[in-house]
Amino acid sequence: LTEGSKHLLTFMAVGLFLVAMMETRFYRKAVFVGAV
């Protein structure tokens, strides 16, 4: 788990790019991810 955790960073990096592209009202999902 500890050594494999850094491999998740690539998924999160592209994930936030796609979350920003989501057509959602008030961008609440992007706000949630940004808050985390």
PDB file of all heavy atoms in Angstrom:
ATOM      1  N   LEU A   1       0.810  -1.210   0.000  1.00  0.00           N
ATOM      2  CA  LEU A   1       0.000   0.000   0.000  1.00  0.00           C
ATOM      3  C   LEU A   1       0.850   1.271   0.000  1.00  0.00           C
ATOM      4  O   LEU A   1       0.586   2.200  -0.762  1.00  0.00           O
ATOM      5  CB  LEU A   1      -0.943  -0.002   1.206  1.00  0.00           C
ATOM      6  CG  LEU A   1      -2.098  -1.010   1.141  1.00  0.00           C
ATOM      7  CD1 LEU A   1      -2.972  -0.881   2.374  1.00  0.00           C
ATOM      8  CD2 LEU A   1      -2.926  -0.817  -0.114  1.00  0.00           C
ATOM      9  N   THR A   2       1.859   1.330   0.852  1.00  0.00           N
ATOM     10  CA  THR A   2       2.647   2.555   0.951  1.00  0.00           C
ATOM     11  C   THR A   2       3.464   2.812  -0.309  1.00  0.00           C
ATOM     12  O   THR A   2       3.547   3.939  -0.796  1.00  0.00           O
ATOM     13  CB  THR A   2       3.582   2.509   2.166  1.00  0.00           C
ATOM     14  OG1 THR A   2       4.341   1.281   2.136  1.00  0.00           O
ATOM     15  CG2 THR A   2       2.778   2.553   3.454  1.00  0.00           C
ATOM     16  N   GLU A   3       4.059   1.761  -0.870  1.00  0.00           N
ATOM     17  CA  GLU A   3       4.861   1.936  -2.082  1.00  0.00           C
ATOM     18  C   GLU A   3       3.981   2.151  -3.307  1.00  0.00           C
ATOM     19  O   GLU A   3       4.353   2.881  -4.234  1.00  0.00           O
ATOM     20  CB  GLU A   3       5.760   0.720  -2.294  1.00  0.00           C
ATOM     21  CG  GLU A   3       6.843   0.566  -1.231  1.00  0.00           C
ATOM     22  CD  GLU A   3       7.740  -0.630  -1.508  1.00  0.00           C
ATOM     23  OE1 GLU A   3       7.613  -1.232  -2.593  1.00  0.00           O
ATOM     24  OE2 GLU A   3       8.569  -0.952  -0.652  1.00  0.00           O
ATOM     25  N   GLY A   4       2.828   1.519  -3.330  1.00  0.00           N
ATOM     26  CA  GLY A   4       1.948   1.648  -4.487  1.00  0.00           C
ATOM     27  C   GLY A   4       1.146   2.931  -4.505  1.00  0.00           C
ATOM     28  O   GLY A   4       0.565   3.285  -5.536  1.00  0.00           O
ATOM     29  N   SER A   5       1.120   3.655  -3.383  1.00  0.00           N
ATOM     30  CA  SER A   5       0.275   4.845  -3.297  1.00  0.00           C
ATOM     31  C   SER A   5       0.673   5.915  -4.301  1.00  0.00           C
ATOM     32  O   SER A   5      -0.180   6.632  -4.836  1.00  0.00           O
ATOM     33  CB  SER A   5       0.321   5.427  -1.879  1.00  0.00           C
ATOM     34  OG  SER A   5       1.645   5.831  -1.538  1.00  0.00           O
ATOM     35  N   LYS A   6       1.961   6.045  -4.601  1.00  0.00           N
ATOM     36  CA  LYS A   6       2.383   7.113  -5.519  1.00  0.00           C
ATOM     37  C   LYS A   6       1.883   6.866  -6.938  1.00  0.00           C
ATOM     38  O   LYS A   6       1.759   7.815  -7.722  1.00  0.00           O
ATOM     39  CB  LYS A   6       3.899   7.263  -5.516  1.00  0.00           C
ATOM     40  CG  LYS A   6       4.653   6.177  -6.264  1.00  0.00           C
ATOM     41  CD  LYS A   6       6.124   6.529  -6.412  1.00  0.00           C
ATOM     42  CE  LYS A   6       6.850   5.491  -7.261  1.00  0.00           C
ATOM     43  NZ  LYS A   6       8.265   5.843  -7.490  1.00  0.00           N
ATOM     44  N   HIS A   7       1.574   5.619  -7.281  1.00  0.00           N
ATOM     45  CA  HIS A   7       1.072   5.340  -8.621  1.00  0.00           C
ATOM     46  C   HIS A   7      -0.341   5.878  -8.818  1.00  0.00           C
ATOM     47  O   HIS A   7      -0.792   6.035  -9.952  1.00  0.00           O
ATOM     48  CB  HIS A   7       1.092   3.835  -8.888  1.00  0.00           C
ATOM     49  CG  HIS A   7       2.468   3.245  -8.884  1.00  0.00           C
ATOM     50  ND1 HIS A   7       3.410   3.565  -9.832  1.00  0.00           N
ATOM     51  CD2 HIS A   7       3.075   2.370  -8.044  1.00  0.00           C
ATOM     52  CE1 HIS A   7       4.536   2.914  -9.586  1.00  0.00           C
ATOM     53  NE2 HIS A   7       4.359   2.185  -8.504  1.00  0.00           N
ATOM     54  N   LEU A   8      -1.029   6.176  -7.714  1.00  0.00           N
ATOM     55  CA  LEU A   8      -2.369   6.743  -7.819  1.00  0.00           C
ATOM     56  C   LEU A   8      -2.328   8.209  -8.234  1.00  0.00           C
ATOM     57  O   LEU A   8      -3.341   8.757  -8.679  1.00  0.00           O
ATOM     58  CB  LEU A   8      -3.100   6.614  -6.473  1.00  0.00           C
ATOM     59  CG  LEU A   8      -3.218   5.204  -5.884  1.00  0.00           C
ATOM     60  CD1 LEU A   8      -4.003   5.254  -4.584  1.00  0.00           C
ATOM     61  CD2 LEU A   8      -3.864   4.242  -6.874  1.00  0.00           C
ATOM     62  N   LEU A   9      -1.171   8.852  -8.064  1.00  0.00           N
ATOM     63  CA  LEU A   9      -1.065  10.279  -8.356  1.00  0.00           C
ATOM     64  C   LEU A   9      -1.334  10.572  -9.824  1.00  0.00           C
ATOM     65  O   LEU A   9      -1.904  11.608 -10.166  1.00  0.00           O
ATOM     66  CB  LEU A   9       0.324  10.792  -7.966  1.00  0.00           C
ATOM     67  CG  LEU A   9       0.674  10.718  -6.481  1.00  0.00           C
ATOM     68  CD1 LEU A   9       2.121  11.152  -6.241  1.00  0.00           C
ATOM     69  CD2 LEU A   9      -0.272  11.599  -5.665  1.00  0.00           C
ATOM     70  N   THR A  10      -0.900   9.678 -10.712  1.00  0.00           N
ATOM     71  CA  THR A  10      -1.136   9.887 -12.148  1.00  0.00           C
ATOM     72  C   THR A  10      -2.623   9.891 -12.452  1.00  0.00           C
ATOM     73  O   THR A  10      -3.113  10.712 -13.242  1.00  0.00           O
ATOM     74  CB  THR A  10      -0.435   8.785 -12.965  1.00  0.00           C
ATOM     75  OG1 THR A  10       0.967   8.836 -12.711  1.00  0.00           O
ATOM     76  CG2 THR A  10      -0.689   8.964 -14.445  1.00  0.00           C
ATOM     77  N   PHE A  11      -3.369   8.984 -11.829  1.00  0.00           N
ATOM     78  CA  PHE A  11      -4.811   8.926 -12.048  1.00  0.00           C
ATOM     79  C   PHE A  11      -5.485  10.195 -11.535  1.00  0.00           C
ATOM     80  O   PHE A  11      -6.394  10.732 -12.173  1.00  0.00           O
ATOM     81  CB  PHE A  11      -5.392   7.696 -11.355  1.00  0.00           C
ATOM     82  CG  PHE A  11      -5.027   6.399 -12.009  1.00  0.00           C
ATOM     83  CD1 PHE A  11      -3.780   5.823 -11.798  1.00  0.00           C
ATOM     84  CD2 PHE A  11      -5.909   5.736 -12.838  1.00  0.00           C
ATOM     85  CE1 PHE A  11      -3.428   4.621 -12.398  1.00  0.00           C
ATOM     86  CE2 PHE A  11      -5.580   4.535 -13.448  1.00  0.00           C
ATOM     87  CZ  PHE A  11      -4.329   3.982 -13.228  1.00  0.00           C
ATOM     88  N   MET A  12      -5.049  10.681 -10.365  1.00  0.00           N
ATOM     89  CA  MET A  12      -5.641  11.905  -9.828  1.00  0.00           C
ATOM     90  C   MET A  12      -5.316  13.105 -10.694  1.00  0.00           C
ATOM     91  O   MET A  12      -6.135  14.012 -10.859  1.00  0.00           O
ATOM     92  CB  MET A  12      -5.160  12.140  -8.394  1.00  0.00           C
ATOM     93  CG  MET A  12      -5.856  11.275  -7.374  1.00  0.00           C
ATOM     94  SD  MET A  12      -5.504  11.805  -5.677  1.00  0.00           S
ATOM     95  CE  MET A  12      -3.865  11.118  -5.457  1.00  0.00           C
ATOM     96  N   ALA A  13      -4.099  13.139 -11.263  1.00  0.00           N
ATOM     97  CA  ALA A  13      -3.695  14.271 -12.092  1.00  0.00           C
ATOM     98  C   ALA A  13      -4.618  14.425 -13.294  1.00  0.00           C
ATOM     99  O   ALA A  13      -5.113  15.522 -13.589  1.00  0.00           O
ATOM    100  CB  ALA A  13      -2.243  14.104 -12.543  1.00  0.00           C
ATOM    101  N   VAL A  14      -4.860  13.314 -14.010  1.00  0.00           N
ATOM    102  CA  VAL A  14      -5.744  13.407 -15.171  1.00  0.00           C
ATOM    103  C   VAL A  14      -7.196  13.531 -14.724  1.00  0.00           C
ATOM    104  O   VAL A  14      -8.012  14.162 -15.404  1.00  0.00           O
ATOM    105  CB  VAL A  14      -5.554  12.187 -16.093  1.00  0.00           C
ATOM    106  CG1 VAL A  14      -6.046  10.900 -15.436  1.00  0.00           C
ATOM    107  CG2 VAL A  14      -6.270  12.398 -17.419  1.00  0.00           C
ATOM    108  N   GLY A  15      -7.529  12.976 -13.561  1.00  0.00           N
ATOM    109  CA  GLY A  15      -8.892  13.064 -13.052  1.00  0.00           C
ATOM    110  C   GLY A  15      -9.339  14.495 -12.836  1.00  0.00           C
ATOM    111  O   GLY A  15     -10.465  14.866 -13.185  1.00  0.00           O
ATOM    112  N   LEU A  16      -8.456  15.325 -12.281  1.00  0.00           N
ATOM    113  CA  LEU A  16      -8.861  16.707 -12.024  1.00  0.00           C
ATOM    114  C   LEU A  16      -9.036  17.487 -13.336  1.00  0.00           C
ATOM    115  O   LEU A  16      -9.859  18.402 -13.422  1.00  0.00           O
ATOM    116  CB  LEU A  16      -7.875  17.408 -11.088  1.00  0.00           C
ATOM    117  CG  LEU A  16      -6.475  17.747 -11.572  1.00  0.00           C
ATOM    118  CD1 LEU A  16      -6.444  19.107 -12.279  1.00  0.00           C
ATOM    119  CD2 LEU A  16      -5.517  17.782 -10.379  1.00  0.00           C
ATOM    120  N   PHE A  17      -8.271  17.120 -14.383  1.00  0.00           N
ATOM    121  CA  PHE A  17      -8.470  17.768 -15.681  1.00  0.00           C
ATOM    122  C   PHE A  17      -9.851  17.448 -16.231  1.00  0.00           C
ATOM    123  O   PHE A  17     -10.525  18.316 -16.805  1.00  0.00           O
ATOM    124  CB  PHE A  17      -7.386  17.317 -16.664  1.00  0.00           C
ATOM    125  CG  PHE A  17      -6.143  18.170 -16.641  1.00  0.00           C
ATOM    126  CD1 PHE A  17      -5.271  18.118 -15.570  1.00  0.00           C
ATOM    127  CD2 PHE A  17      -5.856  19.020 -17.696  1.00  0.00           C
ATOM    128  CE1 PHE A  17      -4.124  18.900 -15.538  1.00  0.00           C
ATOM    129  CE2 PHE A  17      -4.707  19.817 -17.676  1.00  0.00           C
ATOM    130  CZ  PHE A  17      -3.844  19.762 -16.595  1.00  0.00           C
ATOM    131  N   LEU A  18     -10.296  16.198 -16.058  1.00  0.00           N
ATOM    132  CA  LEU A  18     -11.616  15.821 -16.572  1.00  0.00           C
ATOM    133  C   LEU A  18     -12.733  16.363 -15.694  1.00  0.00           C
ATOM    134  O   LEU A  18     -13.793  16.744 -16.193  1.00  0.00           O
ATOM    135  CB  LEU A  18     -11.728  14.299 -16.674  1.00  0.00           C
ATOM    136  CG  LEU A  18     -10.859  13.629 -17.738  1.00  0.00           C
ATOM    137  CD1 LEU A  18     -11.251  12.165 -17.897  1.00  0.00           C
ATOM    138  CD2 LEU A  18     -10.958  14.340 -19.082  1.00  0.00           C
ATOM    139  N   VAL A  19     -12.512  16.426 -14.386  1.00  0.00           N
ATOM    140  CA  VAL A  19     -13.515  16.995 -13.492  1.00  0.00           C
ATOM    141  C   VAL A  19     -13.753  18.461 -13.846  1.00  0.00           C
ATOM    142  O   VAL A  19     -14.886  18.949 -13.840  1.00  0.00           O
ATOM    143  CB  VAL A  19     -13.077  16.854 -12.019  1.00  0.00           C
ATOM    144  CG1 VAL A  19     -13.963  17.692 -11.105  1.00  0.00           C
ATOM    145  CG2 VAL A  19     -13.135  15.390 -11.594  1.00  0.00           C
ATOM    146  N   ALA A  20     -12.689  19.176 -14.172  1.00  0.00           N
ATOM    147  CA  ALA A  20     -12.831  20.581 -14.550  1.00  0.00           C
ATOM    148  C   ALA A  20     -13.626  20.750 -15.839  1.00  0.00           C
ATOM    149  O   ALA A  20     -14.240  21.796 -16.066  1.00  0.00           O
ATOM    150  CB  ALA A  20     -11.452  21.221 -14.704  1.00  0.00           C
ATOM    151  N   MET A  21     -13.619  19.729 -16.701  1.00  0.00           N
ATOM    152  CA  MET A  21     -14.332  19.812 -17.973  1.00  0.00           C
ATOM    153  C   MET A  21     -15.797  19.404 -17.856  1.00  0.00           C
ATOM    154  O   MET A  21     -16.556  19.519 -18.828  1.00  0.00           O
ATOM    155  CB  MET A  21     -13.658  18.916 -19.026  1.00  0.00           C
ATOM    156  CG  MET A  21     -12.236  19.311 -19.390  1.00  0.00           C
ATOM    157  SD  MET A  21     -12.079  20.984 -20.043  1.00  0.00           S
ATOM    158  CE  MET A  21     -11.289  21.807 -18.636  1.00  0.00           C
ATOM    159  N   MET A  22     -16.235  18.907 -16.701  1.00  0.00           N
ATOM    160  CA  MET A  22     -17.609  18.457 -16.549  1.00  0.00           C
ATOM    161  C   MET A  22     -18.576  19.637 -16.613  1.00  0.00           C
ATOM    162  O   MET A  22     -18.346  20.673 -15.999  1.00  0.00           O
ATOM    163  CB  MET A  22     -17.780  17.729 -15.205  1.00  0.00           C
ATOM    164  CG  MET A  22     -17.099  16.383 -15.139  1.00  0.00           C
ATOM    165  SD  MET A  22     -17.320  15.601 -13.504  1.00  0.00           S
ATOM    166  CE  MET A  22     -16.471  14.048 -13.763  1.00  0.00           C
ATOM    167  N   GLU A  23     -19.629  19.460 -17.390  1.00  0.00           N
ATOM    168  CA  GLU A  23     -20.671  20.484 -17.492  1.00  0.00           C
ATOM    169  C   GLU A  23     -21.682  20.255 -16.371  1.00  0.00           C
ATOM    170  O   GLU A  23     -22.674  19.556 -16.541  1.00  0.00           O
ATOM    171  CB  GLU A  23     -21.351  20.408 -18.861  1.00  0.00           C
ATOM    172  CG  GLU A  23     -20.464  20.797 -20.023  1.00  0.00           C
ATOM    173  CD  GLU A  23     -20.250  22.303 -20.112  1.00  0.00           C
ATOM    174  OE1 GLU A  23     -20.854  23.034 -19.305  1.00  0.00           O
ATOM    175  OE2 GLU A  23     -19.487  22.735 -20.978  1.00  0.00           O
ATOM    176  N   THR A  24     -21.424  20.828 -15.214  1.00  0.00           N
ATOM    177  CA  THR A  24     -22.307  20.643 -14.066  1.00  0.00           C
ATOM    178  C   THR A  24     -22.707  22.001 -13.509  1.00  0.00           C
ATOM    179  O   THR A  24     -21.957  22.983 -13.615  1.00  0.00           O
ATOM    180  CB  THR A  24     -21.630  19.825 -12.959  1.00  0.00           C
ATOM    181  OG1 THR A  24     -20.426  20.488 -12.555  1.00  0.00           O
ATOM    182  CG2 THR A  24     -21.276  18.433 -13.451  1.00  0.00           C
ATOM    183  N   ARG A  25     -23.843  22.058 -12.905  1.00  0.00           N
ATOM    184  CA  ARG A  25     -24.353  23.321 -12.364  1.00  0.00           C
ATOM    185  C   ARG A  25     -23.506  23.780 -11.183  1.00  0.00           C
ATOM    186  O   ARG A  25     -23.265  23.020 -10.248  1.00  0.00           O
ATOM    187  CB  ARG A  25     -25.807  23.145 -11.930  1.00  0.00           C
ATOM    188  CG  ARG A  25     -26.511  24.465 -11.665  1.00  0.00           C
ATOM    189  CD  ARG A  25     -27.973  24.225 -11.350  1.00  0.00           C
ATOM    190  NE  ARG A  25     -28.679  25.484 -11.183  1.00  0.00           N
ATOM    191  CZ  ARG A  25     -29.962  25.583 -10.848  1.00  0.00           C
ATOM    192  NH1 ARG A  25     -30.659  24.466 -10.655  1.00  0.00           N
ATOM    193  NH2 ARG A  25     -30.540  26.760 -10.726  1.00  0.00           N
ATOM    194  N   PHE A  26     -23.034  24.987 -11.233  1.00  0.00           N
ATOM    195  CA  PHE A  26     -22.225  25.609 -10.173  1.00  0.00           C
ATOM    196  C   PHE A  26     -20.901  24.871  -9.932  1.00  0.00           C
ATOM    197  O   PHE A  26     -20.201  25.173  -8.977  1.00  0.00           O
ATOM    198  CB  PHE A  26     -23.004  25.701  -8.850  1.00  0.00           C
ATOM    199  CG  PHE A  26     -24.312  26.400  -8.976  1.00  0.00           C
ATOM    200  CD1 PHE A  26     -25.498  25.758  -8.642  1.00  0.00           C
ATOM    201  CD2 PHE A  26     -24.378  27.702  -9.439  1.00  0.00           C
ATOM    202  CE1 PHE A  26     -26.724  26.407  -8.762  1.00  0.00           C
ATOM    203  CE2 PHE A  26     -25.594  28.359  -9.558  1.00  0.00           C
ATOM    204  CZ  PHE A  26     -26.777  27.709  -9.218  1.00  0.00           C
ATOM    205  N   TYR A  27     -20.576  23.883 -10.776  1.00  0.00           N
ATOM    206  CA  TYR A  27     -19.315  23.152 -10.660  1.00  0.00           C
ATOM    207  C   TYR A  27     -19.097  22.619  -9.235  1.00  0.00           C
ATOM    208  O   TYR A  27     -18.007  22.682  -8.681  1.00  0.00           O
ATOM    209  CB  TYR A  27     -18.145  24.041 -11.094  1.00  0.00           C
ATOM    210  CG  TYR A  27     -18.154  24.299 -12.581  1.00  0.00           C
ATOM    211  CD1 TYR A  27     -18.877  25.364 -13.111  1.00  0.00           C
ATOM    212  CD2 TYR A  27     -17.484  23.458 -13.458  1.00  0.00           C
ATOM    213  CE1 TYR A  27     -18.920  25.596 -14.478  1.00  0.00           C
ATOM    214  CE2 TYR A  27     -17.502  23.687 -14.826  1.00  0.00           C
ATOM    215  CZ  TYR A  27     -18.239  24.749 -15.326  1.00  0.00           C
ATOM    216  OH  TYR A  27     -18.267  24.974 -16.686  1.00  0.00           O
ATOM    217  N   ARG A  28     -20.168  22.088  -8.661  1.00  0.00           N
ATOM    218  CA  ARG A  28     -20.084  21.606  -7.280  1.00  0.00           C
ATOM    219  C   ARG A  28     -19.120  20.437  -7.140  1.00  0.00           C
ATOM    220  O   ARG A  28     -18.450  20.297  -6.108  1.00  0.00           O
ATOM    221  CB  ARG A  28     -21.482  21.205  -6.789  1.00  0.00           C
ATOM    222  CG  ARG A  28     -22.396  22.384  -6.522  1.00  0.00           C
ATOM    223  CD  ARG A  28     -23.805  21.958  -6.205  1.00  0.00           C
ATOM    224  NE  ARG A  28     -24.455  21.364  -7.372  1.00  0.00           N
ATOM    225  CZ  ARG A  28     -25.745  21.059  -7.428  1.00  0.00           C
ATOM    226  NH1 ARG A  28     -26.516  21.271  -6.376  1.00  0.00           N
ATOM    227  NH2 ARG A  28     -26.268  20.528  -8.513  1.00  0.00           N
ATOM    228  N   LYS A  29     -19.033  19.593  -8.158  1.00  0.00           N
ATOM    229  CA  LYS A  29     -18.109  18.458  -8.074  1.00  0.00           C
ATOM    230  C   LYS A  29     -16.662  18.936  -8.087  1.00  0.00           C
ATOM    231  O   LYS A  29     -15.816  18.394  -7.368  1.00  0.00           O
ATOM    232  CB  LYS A  29     -18.373  17.483  -9.233  1.00  0.00           C
ATOM    233  CG  LYS A  29     -19.784  16.903  -9.214  1.00  0.00           C
ATOM    234  CD  LYS A  29     -20.023  16.017 -10.408  1.00  0.00           C
ATOM    235  CE  LYS A  29     -21.463  15.527 -10.409  1.00  0.00           C
ATOM    236  NZ  LYS A  29     -22.438  16.643 -10.610  1.00  0.00           N
ATOM    237  N   ALA A  30     -16.369  19.935  -8.900  1.00  0.00           N
ATOM    238  CA  ALA A  30     -15.027  20.502  -8.905  1.00  0.00           C
ATOM    239  C   ALA A  30     -14.700  21.178  -7.571  1.00  0.00           C
ATOM    240  O   ALA A  30     -13.577  21.069  -7.069  1.00  0.00           O
ATOM    241  CB  ALA A  30     -14.874  21.502 -10.055  1.00  0.00           C
ATOM    242  N   VAL A  31     -15.687  21.822  -7.003  1.00  0.00           N
ATOM    243  CA  VAL A  31     -15.488  22.461  -5.686  1.00  0.00           C
ATOM    244  C   VAL A  31     -15.208  21.395  -4.624  1.00  0.00           C
ATOM    245  O   VAL A  31     -14.327  21.574  -3.768  1.00  0.00           O
ATOM    246  CB  VAL A  31     -16.723  23.283  -5.293  1.00  0.00           C
ATOM    247  CG1 VAL A  31     -16.637  23.762  -3.840  1.00  0.00           C
ATOM    248  CG2 VAL A  31     -16.884  24.487  -6.231  1.00  0.00           C
ATOM    249  N   PHE A  32     -15.935  20.292  -4.679  1.00  0.00           N
ATOM    250  CA  PHE A  32     -15.706  19.213  -3.723  1.00  0.00           C
ATOM    251  C   PHE A  32     -14.291  18.648  -3.843  1.00  0.00           C
ATOM    252  O   PHE A  32     -13.583  18.497  -2.844  1.00  0.00           O
ATOM    253  CB  PHE A  32     -16.739  18.101  -3.964  1.00  0.00           C
ATOM    254  CG  PHE A  32     -16.451  16.825  -3.247  1.00  0.00           C
ATOM    255  CD1 PHE A  32     -16.524  16.725  -1.872  1.00  0.00           C
ATOM    256  CD2 PHE A  32     -16.052  15.688  -3.969  1.00  0.00           C
ATOM    257  CE1 PHE A  32     -16.232  15.535  -1.208  1.00  0.00           C
ATOM    258  CE2 PHE A  32     -15.763  14.505  -3.320  1.00  0.00           C
ATOM    259  CZ  PHE A  32     -15.852  14.420  -1.945  1.00  0.00           C
ATOM    260  N   VAL A  33     -13.864  18.351  -5.083  1.00  0.00           N
ATOM    261  CA  VAL A  33     -12.507  17.816  -5.297  1.00  0.00           C
ATOM    262  C   VAL A  33     -11.469  18.838  -4.865  1.00  0.00           C
ATOM    263  O   VAL A  33     -10.483  18.504  -4.201  1.00  0.00           O
ATOM    264  CB  VAL A  33     -12.317  17.437  -6.776  1.00  0.00           C
ATOM    265  CG1 VAL A  33     -10.856  17.099  -7.053  1.00  0.00           C
ATOM    266  CG2 VAL A  33     -13.203  16.256  -7.146  1.00  0.00           C
ATOM    267  N   GLY A  34     -11.689  20.110  -5.212  1.00  0.00           N
ATOM    268  CA  GLY A  34     -10.741  21.144  -4.799  1.00  0.00           C
ATOM    269  C   GLY A  34     -10.636  21.282  -3.296  1.00  0.00           C
ATOM    270  O   GLY A  34      -9.545  21.499  -2.754  1.00  0.00           O
ATOM    271  N   ALA A  35     -11.769  21.160  -2.594  1.00  0.00           N
ATOM    272  CA  ALA A  35     -11.738  21.246  -1.136  1.00  0.00           C
ATOM    273  C   ALA A  35     -10.937  20.112  -0.519  1.00  0.00           C
ATOM    274  O   ALA A  35     -10.183  20.294   0.429  1.00  0.00           O
ATOM    275  CB  ALA A  35     -13.182  21.248  -0.596  1.00  0.00           C
ATOM    276  N   VAL A  36     -11.091  18.903  -1.089  1.00  0.00           N
ATOM    277  CA  VAL A  36     -10.338  17.748  -0.593  1.00  0.00           C
ATOM    278  C   VAL A  36      -8.842  17.974  -0.820  1.00  0.00           C
ATOM    279  O   VAL A  36      -8.006  17.744   0.078  1.00  0.00           O
ATOM    280  CB  VAL A  36     -10.802  16.448  -1.287  1.00  0.00           C
ATOM    281  CG1 VAL A  36      -9.883  15.280  -0.908  1.00  0.00           C
ATOM    282  CG2 VAL A  36     -12.231  16.134  -0.899  1.00  0.00           C
TER     283      VAL A  36
END
